[in-house]
Each structure stands twice: as structure tokens, then as C-alpha cells.
PDB file of N, CA and C in Angstrom:
ATOM      1  N   UNK A   1      -1.649 -76.316  48.232  1.00  0.00           N
ATOM      2  CA  UNK A   1      -2.039 -76.083  46.861  1.00  0.00           C
ATOM      3  C   UNK A   1      -1.318 -77.070  45.503  1.00  0.00           C
ATOM      4  N   UNK A   2      -2.534 -77.648  45.409  1.00  0.00           N
ATOM      5  CA  UNK A   2      -2.213 -78.429  44.378  1.00  0.00           C
ATOM      6  C   UNK A   2      -1.378 -78.699  42.873  1.00  0.00           C
ATOM      7  N   UNK A   3      -0.579 -79.703  43.274  1.00  0.00           N
ATOM      8  CA  UNK A   3       0.930 -79.071  42.219  1.00  0.00           C
ATOM      9  C   UNK A   3       0.393 -80.594  41.111  1.00  0.00           C
ATOM     10  N   UNK A   4       0.881 -80.363  40.417  1.00  0.00           N
ATOM     11  CA  UNK A   4       0.639 -81.608  39.344  1.00  0.00           C
ATOM     12  C   UNK A   4       2.223 -82.001  38.718  1.00  0.00           C
ATOM     13  N   UNK A   5       2.392 -83.311  37.883  1.00  0.00           N
ATOM     14  CA  UNK A   5       4.056 -83.957  37.261  1.00  0.00           C
ATOM     15  C   UNK A   5       2.811 -84.949  36.625  1.00  0.00           C
ATOM     16  N   UNK A   6       3.111 -84.477  35.059  1.00  0.00           N
ATOM     17  CA  UNK A   6       2.540 -85.206  33.809  1.00  0.00           C
ATOM     18  C   UNK A   6       3.551 -86.589  33.943  1.00  0.00           C
ATOM     19  N   UNK A   7       3.334 -87.497  33.391  1.00  0.00           N
ATOM     20  CA  UNK A   7       3.603 -88.872  32.985  1.00  0.00           C
ATOM     21  C   UNK A   7       3.364 -88.569  31.581  1.00  0.00           C
ATOM     22  N   UNK A   8       3.932 -90.122  31.174  1.00  0.00           N
ATOM     23  CA  UNK A   8       4.109 -90.796  30.308  1.00  0.00           C
ATOM     24  C   UNK A   8       2.443 -90.955  29.588  1.00  0.00           C
ATOM     25  N   UNK A   9       1.676 -90.778  28.316  1.00  0.00           N
ATOM     26  CA  UNK A   9       0.143 -91.433  27.974  1.00  0.00           C
ATOM     27  C   UNK A   9       0.344 -92.873  28.306  1.00  0.00           C
ATOM     28  N   UNK A  10      -0.809 -93.379  28.596  1.00  0.00           N
ATOM     29  CA  UNK A  10      -1.087 -94.492  29.125  1.00  0.00           C
ATOM     30  C   UNK A  10      -2.185 -95.459  28.715  1.00  0.00           C
ATOM     31  N   UNK A  11      -1.871 -95.915  27.673  1.00  0.00           N
ATOM     32  CA  UNK A  11      -2.463 -96.756  26.428  1.00  0.00           C
ATOM     33  C   UNK A  11      -3.471 -95.927  24.775  1.00  0.00           C
ATOM     34  N   UNK A  12      -3.577 -94.648  25.822  1.00  0.00           N
ATOM     35  CA  UNK A  12      -4.407 -93.715  24.786  1.00  0.00           C
ATOM     36  C   UNK A  12      -3.357 -92.316  25.090  1.00  0.00           C
ATOM     37  N   UNK A  13      -3.095 -92.384  23.768  1.00  0.00           N
ATOM     38  CA  UNK A  13      -2.663 -90.793  23.267  1.00  0.00           C
ATOM     39  C   UNK A  13      -3.030 -89.872  23.602  1.00  0.00           C
ATOM     40  N   UNK A  14      -4.299 -89.239  23.967  1.00  0.00           N
ATOM     41  CA  UNK A  14      -5.396 -88.566  24.562  1.00  0.00           C
ATOM     42  C   UNK A  14      -6.072 -88.593  25.891  1.00  0.00           C
ATOM     43  N   UNK A  15      -5.376 -89.843  26.336  1.00  0.00           N
ATOM     44  CA  UNK A  15      -5.438 -89.812  27.620  1.00  0.00           C
ATOM     45  C   UNK A  15      -4.118 -89.972  28.791  1.00  0.00           C
ATOM     46  N   UNK A  16      -3.367 -88.411  28.774  1.00  0.00           N
ATOM     47  CA  UNK A  16      -2.568 -88.144  29.278  1.00  0.00           C
ATOM     48  C   UNK A  16      -2.714 -88.570  31.146  1.00  0.00           C
ATOM     49  N   UNK A  17      -1.685 -88.962  31.617  1.00  0.00           N
ATOM     50  CA  UNK A  17      -1.529 -89.646  33.144  1.00  0.00           C
ATOM     51  C   UNK A  17      -0.786 -88.143  33.624  1.00  0.00           C
ATOM     52  N   UNK A  18      -1.895 -87.556  34.546  1.00  0.00           N
ATOM     53  CA  UNK A  18      -1.452 -86.638  36.086  1.00  0.00           C
ATOM     54  C   UNK A  18      -1.325 -86.641  36.770  1.00  0.00           C
ATOM     55  N   UNK A  19      -0.535 -86.196  37.708  1.00  0.00           N
ATOM     56  CA  UNK A  19      -0.190 -86.733  39.105  1.00  0.00           C
ATOM     57  C   UNK A  19      -0.548 -85.194  39.811  1.00  0.00           C
ATOM     58  N   UNK A  20      -1.080 -85.599  40.916  1.00  0.00           N
ATOM     59  CA  UNK A  20      -1.803 -84.069  41.672  1.00  0.00           C
ATOM     60  C   UNK A  20      -1.244 -84.306  42.460  1.00  0.00           C
ATOM     61  N   UNK A  21      -1.742 -83.235  43.399  1.00  0.00           N
ATOM     62  CA  UNK A  21      -1.800 -83.400  44.849  1.00  0.00           C
ATOM     63  C   UNK A  21      -2.457 -82.532  45.481  1.00  0.00           C
ATOM     64  N   UNK A  22      -3.210 -83.005  46.482  1.00  0.00           N
ATOM     65  CA  UNK A  22      -4.485 -82.431  46.350  1.00  0.00           C
ATOM     66  C   UNK A  22      -4.881 -82.322  48.128  1.00  0.00           C
ATOM     67  N   UNK A  23      -4.730 -81.334  48.936  1.00  0.00           N
ATOM     68  CA  UNK A  23      -4.774 -81.161  50.216  1.00  0.00           C
ATOM     69  C   UNK A  23      -3.501 -82.827  50.618  1.00  0.00           C
ATOM     70  N   UNK A  24      -2.576 -82.555  50.629  1.00  0.00           N
ATOM     71  CA  UNK A  24      -1.779 -83.419  50.531  1.00  0.00           C
ATOM     72  C   UNK A  24      -1.443 -84.694  50.541  1.00  0.00           C
ATOM     73  N   UNK A  25      -2.014 -85.497  49.575  1.00  0.00           N
ATOM     74  CA  UNK A  25      -2.740 -86.317  48.878  1.00  0.00           C
ATOM     75  C   UNK A  25      -2.510 -86.232  47.832  1.00  0.00           C
ATOM     76  N   UNK A  26      -1.784 -87.316  46.790  1.00  0.00           N
ATOM     77  CA  UNK A  26      -1.119 -87.566  45.636  1.00  0.00           C
ATOM     78  C   UNK A  26      -2.698 -88.316  45.231  1.00  0.00           C
ATOM     79  N   UNK A  27      -2.617 -88.394  43.924  1.00  0.00           N
ATOM     80  CA  UNK A  27      -3.257 -88.999  42.847  1.00  0.00           C
ATOM     81  C   UNK A  27      -2.794 -88.569  41.441  1.00  0.00           C
ATOM     82  N   UNK A  28      -3.002 -90.102  40.821  1.00  0.00           N
ATOM     83  CA  UNK A  28      -2.912 -89.688  39.126  1.00  0.00           C
ATOM     84  C   UNK A  28      -4.189 -90.044  38.839  1.00  0.00           C
ATOM     85  N   UNK A  29      -4.841 -89.005  38.436  1.00  0.00           N
ATOM     86  CA  UNK A  29      -5.735 -88.610  37.511  1.00  0.00           C
ATOM     87  C   UNK A  29      -4.790 -88.898  35.812  1.00  0.00           C
ATOM     88  N   UNK A  30      -6.453 -89.519  34.781  1.00  0.00           N
ATOM     89  CA  UNK A  30      -6.235 -89.089  33.499  1.00  0.00           C
ATOM     90  C   UNK A  30      -7.146 -88.268  32.898  1.00  0.00           C
ATOM     91  N   UNK A  31      -6.359 -87.630  31.949  1.00  0.00           N
ATOM     92  CA  UNK A  31      -8.025 -87.166  31.027  1.00  0.00           C
ATOM     93  C   UNK A  31      -7.138 -86.294  29.521  1.00  0.00           C
ATOM     94  N   UNK A  32      -7.389 -86.037  28.849  1.00  0.00           N
ATOM     95  CA  UNK A  32      -6.801 -85.027  27.292  1.00  0.00           C
ATOM     96  C   UNK A  32      -6.132 -84.341  27.526  1.00  0.00           C
ATOM     97  N   UNK A  33      -6.811 -83.149  28.479  1.00  0.00           N
ATOM     98  CA  UNK A  33      -6.072 -81.769  28.615  1.00  0.00           C
ATOM     99  C   UNK A  33      -5.240 -81.527  30.494  1.00  0.00           C
ATOM    100  N   UNK A  34      -4.460 -81.847  30.535  1.00  0.00           N
ATOM    101  CA  UNK A  34      -3.691 -81.996  31.963  1.00  0.00           C
ATOM    102  C   UNK A  34      -3.741 -80.710  32.637  1.00  0.00           C
ATOM    103  N   UNK A  35      -3.594 -79.804  31.715  1.00  0.00           N
ATOM    104  CA  UNK A  35      -3.801 -78.605  32.342  1.00  0.00           C
ATOM    105  C   UNK A  35      -5.258 -77.975  32.971  1.00  0.00           C
ATOM    106  N   UNK A  36      -5.625 -78.487  32.699  1.00  0.00           N
ATOM    107  CA  UNK A  36      -7.220 -78.319  33.266  1.00  0.00           C
ATOM    108  C   UNK A  36      -7.448 -79.404  34.208  1.00  0.00           C
ATOM    109  N   UNK A  37      -6.828 -80.505  33.954  1.00  0.00           N
ATOM    110  CA  UNK A  37      -7.126 -81.470  35.151  1.00  0.00           C
ATOM    111  C   UNK A  37      -6.222 -80.672  36.470  1.00  0.00           C
ATOM    112  N   UNK A  38      -5.188 -79.667  36.412  1.00  0.00           N
ATOM    113  CA  UNK A  38      -4.200 -79.408  37.051  1.00  0.00           C
ATOM    114  C   UNK A  38      -5.164 -78.014  37.948  1.00  0.00           C
ATOM    115  N   UNK A  39      -5.788 -77.455  36.898  1.00  0.00           N
ATOM    116  CA  UNK A  39      -7.187 -76.050  37.412  1.00  0.00           C
ATOM    117  C   UNK A  39      -7.794 -76.666  38.250  1.00  0.00           C
ATOM    118  N   UNK A  40      -8.735 -77.903  38.126  1.00  0.00           N
ATOM    119  CA  UNK A  40      -9.234 -78.324  38.720  1.00  0.00           C
ATOM    120  C   UNK A  40      -8.723 -78.449  40.006  1.00  0.00           C
ATOM    121  N   UNK A  41      -7.714 -79.547  40.256  1.00  0.00           N
ATOM    122  CA  UNK A  41      -6.960 -80.083  41.489  1.00  0.00           C
ATOM    123  C   UNK A  41      -7.048 -78.787  42.149  1.00  0.00           C
ATOM    124  N   UNK A  42      -6.398 -77.735  41.389  1.00  0.00           N
ATOM    125  CA  UNK A  42      -5.956 -76.618  42.660  1.00  0.00           C
ATOM    126  C   UNK A  42      -7.229 -76.334  42.549  1.00  0.00           C
ATOM    127  N   UNK A  43      -8.363 -76.102  42.357  1.00  0.00           N
ATOM    128  CA  UNK A  43     -10.042 -75.426  42.849  1.00  0.00           C
ATOM    129  C   UNK A  43     -10.054 -76.303  44.109  1.00  0.00           C
ATOM    130  N   UNK A  44     -10.052 -77.547  43.568  1.00  0.00           N
ATOM    131  CA  UNK A  44     -10.985 -78.198  44.728  1.00  0.00           C
ATOM    132  C   UNK A  44      -9.650 -78.448  46.115  1.00  0.00           C
ATOM    133  N   UNK A  45      -8.607 -78.241  46.156  1.00  0.00           N
ATOM    134  CA  UNK A  45      -7.195 -78.280  46.862  1.00  0.00           C
ATOM    135  C   UNK A  45      -7.362 -76.432  48.076  1.00  0.00           C
ATOM    136  N   UNK A  46      -8.010 -75.902  47.573  1.00  0.00           N
ATOM    137  CA  UNK A  46      -7.978 -74.249  47.887  1.00  0.00           C
ATOM    138  C   UNK A  46      -9.380 -74.129  48.657  1.00  0.00           C
ATOM    139  N   UNK A  47     -10.588 -75.406  48.239  1.00  0.00           N
ATOM    140  CA  UNK A  47     -12.093 -75.470  48.749  1.00  0.00           C
ATOM    141  C   UNK A  47     -11.325 -75.904  50.248  1.00  0.00           C
ATOM    142  N   UNK A  48     -10.799 -77.962  50.455  1.00  0.00           N
ATOM    143  CA  UNK A  48     -10.036 -78.237  51.357  1.00  0.00           C
ATOM    144  C   UNK A  48      -9.606 -77.394  51.986  1.00  0.00           C
ATOM    145  N   UNK A  49      -8.387 -76.213  52.063  1.00  0.00           N
ATOM    146  CA  UNK A  49      -8.051 -75.375  52.089  1.00  0.00           C
ATOM    147  C   UNK A  49      -9.049 -74.793  53.100  1.00  0.00           C
ATOM    148  N   UNK A  50      -9.375 -73.893  52.141  1.00  0.00           N
ATOM    149  CA  UNK A  50     -10.467 -72.666  52.894  1.00  0.00           C
ATOM    150  C   UNK A  50     -11.754 -72.963  54.029  1.00  0.00           C
ATOM    151  N   UNK A  51     -12.322 -74.722  53.934  1.00  0.00           N
ATOM    152  CA  UNK A  51     -12.835 -75.034  55.126  1.00  0.00           C
ATOM    153  C   UNK A  51     -12.025 -75.743  55.878  1.00  0.00           C
ATOM    154  N   UNK A  52     -10.970 -75.697  55.812  1.00  0.00           N
ATOM    155  CA  UNK A  52      -9.874 -76.333  56.584  1.00  0.00           C
ATOM    156  C   UNK A  52      -9.933 -75.139  57.633  1.00  0.00           C
ATOM    157  N   UNK A  53      -9.545 -74.050  57.458  1.00  0.00           N
ATOM    158  CA  UNK A  53      -9.458 -72.853  57.708  1.00  0.00           C
ATOM    159  C   UNK A  53     -10.526 -72.251  59.096  1.00  0.00           C
ATOM    160  N   UNK A  54     -11.922 -72.353  58.054  1.00  0.00           N
ATOM    161  CA  UNK A  54     -13.235 -72.074  58.570  1.00  0.00           C
ATOM    162  C   UNK A  54     -13.745 -73.098  60.162  1.00  0.00           C
ATOM    163  N   UNK A  55     -13.205 -74.261  59.851  1.00  0.00           N
ATOM    164  CA  UNK A  55     -13.574 -75.804  60.666  1.00  0.00           C
ATOM    165  C   UNK A  55     -12.220 -76.125  61.727  1.00  0.00           C
ATOM    166  N   UNK A  56     -12.421 -76.611  62.691  1.00  0.00           N
ATOM    167  CA  UNK A  56     -11.912 -77.771  63.361  1.00  0.00           C
ATOM    168  C   UNK A  56     -11.814 -78.744  63.451  1.00  0.00           C
ATOM    169  N   UNK A  57     -12.490 -79.276  62.023  1.00  0.00           N
ATOM    170  CA  UNK A  57     -12.154 -80.283  61.204  1.00  0.00           C
ATOM    171  C   UNK A  57     -11.241 -80.946  60.654  1.00  0.00           C
ATOM    172  N   UNK A  58     -10.572 -82.238  60.936  1.00  0.00           N
ATOM    173  CA  UNK A  58      -9.070 -82.040  61.104  1.00  0.00           C
ATOM    174  C   UNK A  58      -9.347 -83.456  59.841  1.00  0.00           C
ATOM    175  N   UNK A  59      -9.860 -84.598  59.422  1.00  0.00           N
ATOM    176  CA  UNK A  59     -10.914 -85.373  59.081  1.00  0.00           C
ATOM    177  C   UNK A  59     -10.945 -85.279  57.450  1.00  0.00           C
ATOM    178  N   UNK A  60      -9.595 -85.574  56.817  1.00  0.00           N
ATOM    179  CA  UNK A  60     -10.391 -84.708  55.448  1.00  0.00           C
ATOM    180  C   UNK A  60     -11.376 -85.474  54.505  1.00  0.00           C
ATOM    181  N   UNK A  61     -12.015 -86.765  54.966  1.00  0.00           N
ATOM    182  CA  UNK A  61     -13.564 -86.781  54.841  1.00  0.00           C
ATOM    183  C   UNK A  61     -14.434 -86.144  54.844  1.00  0.00           C
ATOM    184  N   UNK A  62     -14.492 -85.623  56.046  1.00  0.00           N
ATOM    185  CA  UNK A  62     -15.443 -84.480  56.390  1.00  0.00           C
ATOM    186  C   UNK A  62     -15.095 -82.937  55.496  1.00  0.00           C
ATOM    187  N   UNK A  63     -13.613 -82.984  55.674  1.00  0.00           N
ATOM    188  CA  UNK A  63     -13.168 -81.923  54.536  1.00  0.00           C
ATOM    189  C   UNK A  63     -13.755 -82.098  52.783  1.00  0.00           C
ATOM    190  N   UNK A  64     -13.028 -83.038  52.948  1.00  0.00           N
ATOM    191  CA  UNK A  64     -13.739 -83.170  51.188  1.00  0.00           C
ATOM    192  C   UNK A  64     -15.301 -82.613  50.713  1.00  0.00           C
ATOM    193  N   UNK A  65     -16.216 -83.502  51.714  1.00  0.00           N
ATOM    194  CA  UNK A  65     -17.379 -83.504  52.020  1.00  0.00           C
ATOM    195  C   UNK A  65     -17.892 -82.145  51.643  1.00  0.00           C
ATOM    196  N   UNK A  66     -17.309 -81.241  52.793  1.00  0.00           N
ATOM    197  CA  UNK A  66     -17.965 -79.936  52.808  1.00  0.00           C
ATOM    198  C   UNK A  66     -16.794 -79.501  51.829  1.00  0.00           C
ATOM    199  N   UNK A  67     -15.701 -79.325  51.079  1.00  0.00           N
ATOM    200  CA  UNK A  67     -15.800 -78.188  50.193  1.00  0.00           C
ATOM    201  C   UNK A  67     -16.763 -79.400  48.550  1.00  0.00           C
ATOM    202  N   UNK A  68     -16.839 -80.245  48.716  1.00  0.00           N
ATOM    203  CA  UNK A  68     -17.587 -80.738  47.738  1.00  0.00           C
ATOM    204  C   UNK A  68     -19.252 -80.342  47.970  1.00  0.00           C
ATOM    205  N   UNK A  69     -19.788 -79.948  48.860  1.00  0.00           N
ATOM    206  CA  UNK A  69     -20.557 -79.646  49.176  1.00  0.00           C
ATOM    207  C   UNK A  69     -20.521 -77.982  48.914  1.00  0.00           C
ATOM    208  N   UNK A  70     -19.600 -77.302  49.502  1.00  0.00           N
ATOM    209  CA  UNK A  70     -19.422 -75.321  48.862  1.00  0.00           C
ATOM    210  C   UNK A  70     -19.758 -75.603  46.790  1.00  0.00           C
ATOM    211  N   UNK A  71     -18.312 -76.672  46.791  1.00  0.00           N
ATOM    212  CA  UNK A  71     -18.406 -76.299  45.360  1.00  0.00           C
ATOM    213  C   UNK A  71     -19.753 -76.622  44.605  1.00  0.00           C
ATOM    214  N   UNK A  72     -21.040 -77.329  45.259  1.00  0.00           N
ATOM    215  CA  UNK A  72     -21.981 -78.238  44.230  1.00  0.00           C
ATOM    216  C   UNK A  72     -22.730 -76.919  44.956  1.00  0.00           C
ATOM    217  N   UNK A  73     -22.695 -76.337  45.543  1.00  0.00           N
ATOM    218  CA  UNK A  73     -23.556 -74.572  45.974  1.00  0.00           C
ATOM    219  C   UNK A  73     -22.875 -73.367  45.412  1.00  0.00           C
ATOM    220  N   UNK A  74     -21.500 -73.534  44.913  1.00  0.00           N
ATOM    221  CA  UNK A  74     -21.132 -72.129  43.654  1.00  0.00           C
ATOM    222  C   UNK A  74     -22.166 -73.047  42.540  1.00  0.00           C
ATOM    223  N   UNK A  75     -22.095 -73.942  42.205  1.00  0.00           N
ATOM    224  CA  UNK A  75     -22.151 -74.791  40.901  1.00  0.00           C
ATOM    225  C   UNK A  75     -23.847 -74.337  40.282  1.00  0.00           C
ATOM    226  N   UNK A  76     -25.144 -74.614  41.528  1.00  0.00           N
ATOM    227  CA  UNK A  76     -26.210 -74.286  41.234  1.00  0.00           C
ATOM    228  C   UNK A  76     -26.611 -73.546  41.462  1.00  0.00           C
ATOM    229  N   UNK A  77     -25.657 -72.789  42.157  1.00  0.00           N
ATOM    230  CA  UNK A  77     -25.852 -70.831  42.037  1.00  0.00           C
ATOM    231  C   UNK A  77     -26.033 -69.850  41.113  1.00  0.00           C
ATOM    232  N   UNK A  78     -24.574 -70.635  40.188  1.00  0.00           N
ATOM    233  CA  UNK A  78     -24.457 -70.737  39.051  1.00  0.00           C
ATOM    234  C   UNK A  78     -25.166 -70.838  37.771  1.00  0.00           C
ATOM    235  N   UNK A  79     -25.582 -72.346  37.999  1.00  0.00           N
ATOM    236  CA  UNK A  79     -26.660 -72.610  36.914  1.00  0.00           C
ATOM    237  C   UNK A  79     -27.819 -72.064  37.214  1.00  0.00           C
ATOM    238  N   UNK A  80     -28.559 -71.852  38.635  1.00  0.00           N
ATOM    239  CA  UNK A  80     -29.248 -70.998  38.161  1.00  0.00           C
ATOM    240  C   UNK A  80     -29.566 -69.521  37.322  1.00  0.00           C
ATOM    241  N   UNK A  81     -29.016 -68.765  38.107  1.00  0.00           N
ATOM    242  CA  UNK A  81     -28.285 -67.233  37.200  1.00  0.00           C
ATOM    243  C   UNK A  81     -28.782 -68.106  36.079  1.00  0.00           C
ATOM    244  N   UNK A  82     -27.669 -68.694  35.118  1.00  0.00           N
ATOM    245  CA  UNK A  82     -28.001 -68.509  33.785  1.00  0.00           C
ATOM    246  C   UNK A  82     -29.267 -69.611  33.466  1.00  0.00           C
ATOM    247  N   UNK A  83     -30.296 -70.214  34.422  1.00  0.00           N
ATOM    248  CA  UNK A  83     -30.611 -70.138  33.594  1.00  0.00           C
ATOM    249  C   UNK A  83     -32.253 -69.617  33.591  1.00  0.00           C
ATOM    250  N   UNK A  84     -31.933 -68.680  34.560  1.00  0.00           N
ATOM    251  CA  UNK A  84     -33.070 -67.915  34.955  1.00  0.00           C
ATOM    252  C   UNK A  84     -32.660 -66.107  33.638  1.00  0.00           C
ATOM    253  N   UNK A  85     -31.669 -66.358  33.120  1.00  0.00           N
ATOM    254  CA  UNK A  85     -31.445 -65.283  32.058  1.00  0.00           C
ATOM    255  C   UNK A  85     -31.491 -65.844  31.153  1.00  0.00           C
ATOM    256  N   UNK A  86     -31.681 -67.674  30.947  1.00  0.00           N
ATOM    257  CA  UNK A  86     -31.386 -68.247  29.652  1.00  0.00           C
ATOM    258  C   UNK A  86     -32.605 -67.628  28.463  1.00  0.00           C
ATOM    259  N   UNK A  87     -34.099 -67.605  29.019  1.00  0.00           N
ATOM    260  CA  UNK A  87     -34.886 -67.086  28.642  1.00  0.00           C
ATOM    261  C   UNK A  87     -35.501 -65.934  27.518  1.00  0.00           C
ATOM    262  N   UNK A  88     -34.302 -64.340  28.645  1.00  0.00           N
ATOM    263  CA  UNK A  88     -34.156 -63.585  28.887  1.00  0.00           C
ATOM    264  C   UNK A  88     -33.686 -63.821  26.849  1.00  0.00           C
ATOM    265  N   UNK A  89     -32.352 -64.455  26.949  1.00  0.00           N
ATOM    266  CA  UNK A  89     -31.500 -64.563  25.995  1.00  0.00           C
ATOM    267  C   UNK A  89     -32.231 -65.245  24.720  1.00  0.00           C
ATOM    268  N   UNK A  90     -33.051 -65.771  25.173  1.00  0.00           N
ATOM    269  CA  UNK A  90     -33.919 -66.489  24.183  1.00  0.00           C
ATOM    270  C   UNK A  90     -34.728 -65.697  23.262  1.00  0.00           C
ATOM    271  N   UNK A  91     -35.613 -64.937  24.342  1.00  0.00           N
ATOM    272  CA  UNK A  91     -36.572 -63.960  23.901  1.00  0.00           C
ATOM    273  C   UNK A  91     -36.010 -63.122  23.017  1.00  0.00           C
ATOM    274  N   UNK A  92     -34.892 -62.829  23.591  1.00  0.00           N
ATOM    275  CA  UNK A  92     -34.399 -61.350  22.432  1.00  0.00           C
ATOM    276  C   UNK A  92     -33.335 -62.086  20.840  1.00  0.00           C
ATOM    277  N   UNK A  93     -33.155 -63.029  21.416  1.00  0.00           N
ATOM    278  CA  UNK A  93     -33.022 -63.713  19.887  1.00  0.00           C
ATOM    279  C   UNK A  93     -33.981 -63.927  18.943  1.00  0.00           C
ATOM    280  N   UNK A  94     -35.633 -64.212  19.491  1.00  0.00           N
ATOM    281  CA  UNK A  94     -36.623 -64.934  18.323  1.00  0.00           C
ATOM    282  C   UNK A  94     -36.746 -62.987  18.138  1.00  0.00           C
ATOM    283  N   UNK A  95     -36.606 -62.434  19.214  1.00  0.00           N
ATOM    284  CA  UNK A  95     -37.484 -61.118  18.395  1.00  0.00           C
ATOM    285  C   UNK A  95     -36.281 -60.528  17.007  1.00  0.00           C
ATOM    286  N   UNK A  96     -35.141 -60.412  17.183  1.00  0.00           N
ATOM    287  CA  UNK A  96     -33.977 -60.113  16.222  1.00  0.00           C
ATOM    288  C   UNK A  96     -34.709 -61.221  15.141  1.00  0.00           C
ATOM    289  N   UNK A  97     -34.490 -61.771  15.267  1.00  0.00           N
ATOM    290  CA  UNK A  97     -35.050 -63.238  14.365  1.00  0.00           C
ATOM    291  C   UNK A  97     -35.645 -62.806  13.666  1.00  0.00           C
ATOM    292  N   UNK A  98     -37.584 -62.270  14.996  1.00  0.00           N
ATOM    293  CA  UNK A  98     -38.183 -61.162  13.698  1.00  0.00           C
ATOM    294  C   UNK A  98     -38.202 -60.555  13.067  1.00  0.00           C
ATOM    295  N   UNK A  99     -37.426 -59.625  13.421  1.00  0.00           N
ATOM    296  CA  UNK A  99     -36.925 -58.024  12.660  1.00  0.00           C
ATOM    297  C   UNK A  99     -36.220 -58.191  11.809  1.00  0.00           C
ATOM    298  N   UNK A 100     -35.795 -59.716  11.837  1.00  0.00           N
ATOM    299  CA  UNK A 100     -34.519 -59.517  10.491  1.00  0.00           C
ATOM    300  C   UNK A 100     -35.722 -59.966   9.213  1.00  0.00           C
ATOM    301  N   UNK A 101     -36.718 -61.217   9.625  1.00  0.00           N
ATOM    302  CA  UNK A 101     -37.117 -62.037   8.936  1.00  0.00           C
ATOM    303  C   UNK A 101     -38.050 -60.796   7.767  1.00  0.00           C
ATOM    304  N   UNK A 102     -38.628 -59.444   9.115  1.00  0.00           N
ATOM    305  CA  UNK A 102     -39.517 -58.546   8.323  1.00  0.00           C
ATOM    306  C   UNK A 102     -38.628 -57.763   7.715  1.00  0.00           C
ATOM    307  N   UNK A 103     -37.728 -57.168   7.854  1.00  0.00           N
ATOM    308  CA  UNK A 103     -36.692 -56.922   6.623  1.00  0.00           C
ATOM    309  C   UNK A 103     -36.460 -57.341   5.534  1.00  0.00           C
ATOM    310  N   UNK A 104     -36.201 -58.892   5.425  1.00  0.00           N
ATOM    311  CA  UNK A 104     -35.712 -59.040   4.251  1.00  0.00           C
ATOM    312  C   UNK A 104     -36.954 -58.984   3.481  1.00  0.00           C
ATOM    313  N   UNK A 105     -38.594 -59.327   4.796  1.00  0.00           N
ATOM    314  CA  UNK A 105     -39.589 -59.805   2.912  1.00  0.00           C
ATOM    315  C   UNK A 105     -39.701 -58.120   3.084  1.00  0.00           C
ATOM    316  N   UNK A 106     -39.439 -56.829   3.692  1.00  0.00           N
ATOM    317  CA  UNK A 106     -39.786 -55.760   2.943  1.00  0.00           C
ATOM    318  C   UNK A 106     -38.678 -55.833   1.741  1.00  0.00           C
ATOM    319  N   UNK A 107     -37.809 -56.208   2.087  1.00  0.00           N
ATOM    320  CA  UNK A 107     -36.464 -55.999   0.810  1.00  0.00           C
ATOM    321  C   UNK A 107     -37.757 -56.785  -0.080  1.00  0.00           C
ATOM    322  N   UNK A 108     -37.141 -57.660  -0.550  1.00  0.00           N
ATOM    323  CA  UNK A 108     -37.945 -58.903  -1.404  1.00  0.00           C
ATOM    324  C   UNK A 108     -39.078 -58.030  -2.439  1.00  0.00           C
ATOM    325  N   UNK A 109     -39.763 -57.578  -1.128  1.00  0.00           N
ATOM    326  CA  UNK A 109     -41.309 -57.379  -1.541  1.00  0.00           C
ATOM    327  C   UNK A 109     -41.021 -55.471  -2.612  1.00  0.00           C
ATOM    328  N   UNK A 110     -40.475 -55.052  -2.462  1.00  0.00           N
ATOM    329  CA  UNK A 110     -40.297 -53.100  -2.501  1.00  0.00           C
ATOM    330  C   UNK A 110     -38.825 -52.926  -3.417  1.00  0.00           C
TER     331      UNK A 110
END
């Protein structure tokens, strides 16, 4: 499981340095939200460990690539699902806007 240590801000007060550990390797990362960085590191660490359990690979580079492919797959599935539902929301929003326009026109006329 990834762990993190906050370090003093470096150069930019909005860019806090965070020490994380992913698959037993330490990394110093910078960003404006240390908790979010830790959450991402924990997610990547969990993916790498899951891949390691499912394969006989001990090469960390291969594990990282396989974990990245799994994460990319999750991302694209969610993106595809979101994109396919977006027209439905857009269509509904347009219909509601039209209905509101009609009600407002009728209230002005009558």
C-alpha cells in the first residue's frame, strides 16, 4: 500500500512536495493537493500489486506497464460510457429549455 510523507513546500507554496511509496519504491512528487497525490499513488500501488498477484512477473517495469494498461482500460471504458450518455443528457436539457421557453412565452402572452 502506498504511503506518503509531506515535506516543506519547495519554491511555490501551492506546490507541496509529497514523498510516496509505490510498489516499495519511493518517489517525491509535487502538486497542490497532497491528499489527492497520495490517493493516486495508493491506486497505482494497488493496481501494481494486483497485477503482480495475477502474473509470474517480478520485473517492476513490466508490472508498471501492465498496471498502466489496466488503468488506461478503466479510463477509456468510463470515458466511453460517459460519452455515450452525454447526448441523452444534452437532449433532455434541450427539451427542458424548450419547454421552459414555451412556458415563459405563454405567461407573457396570457
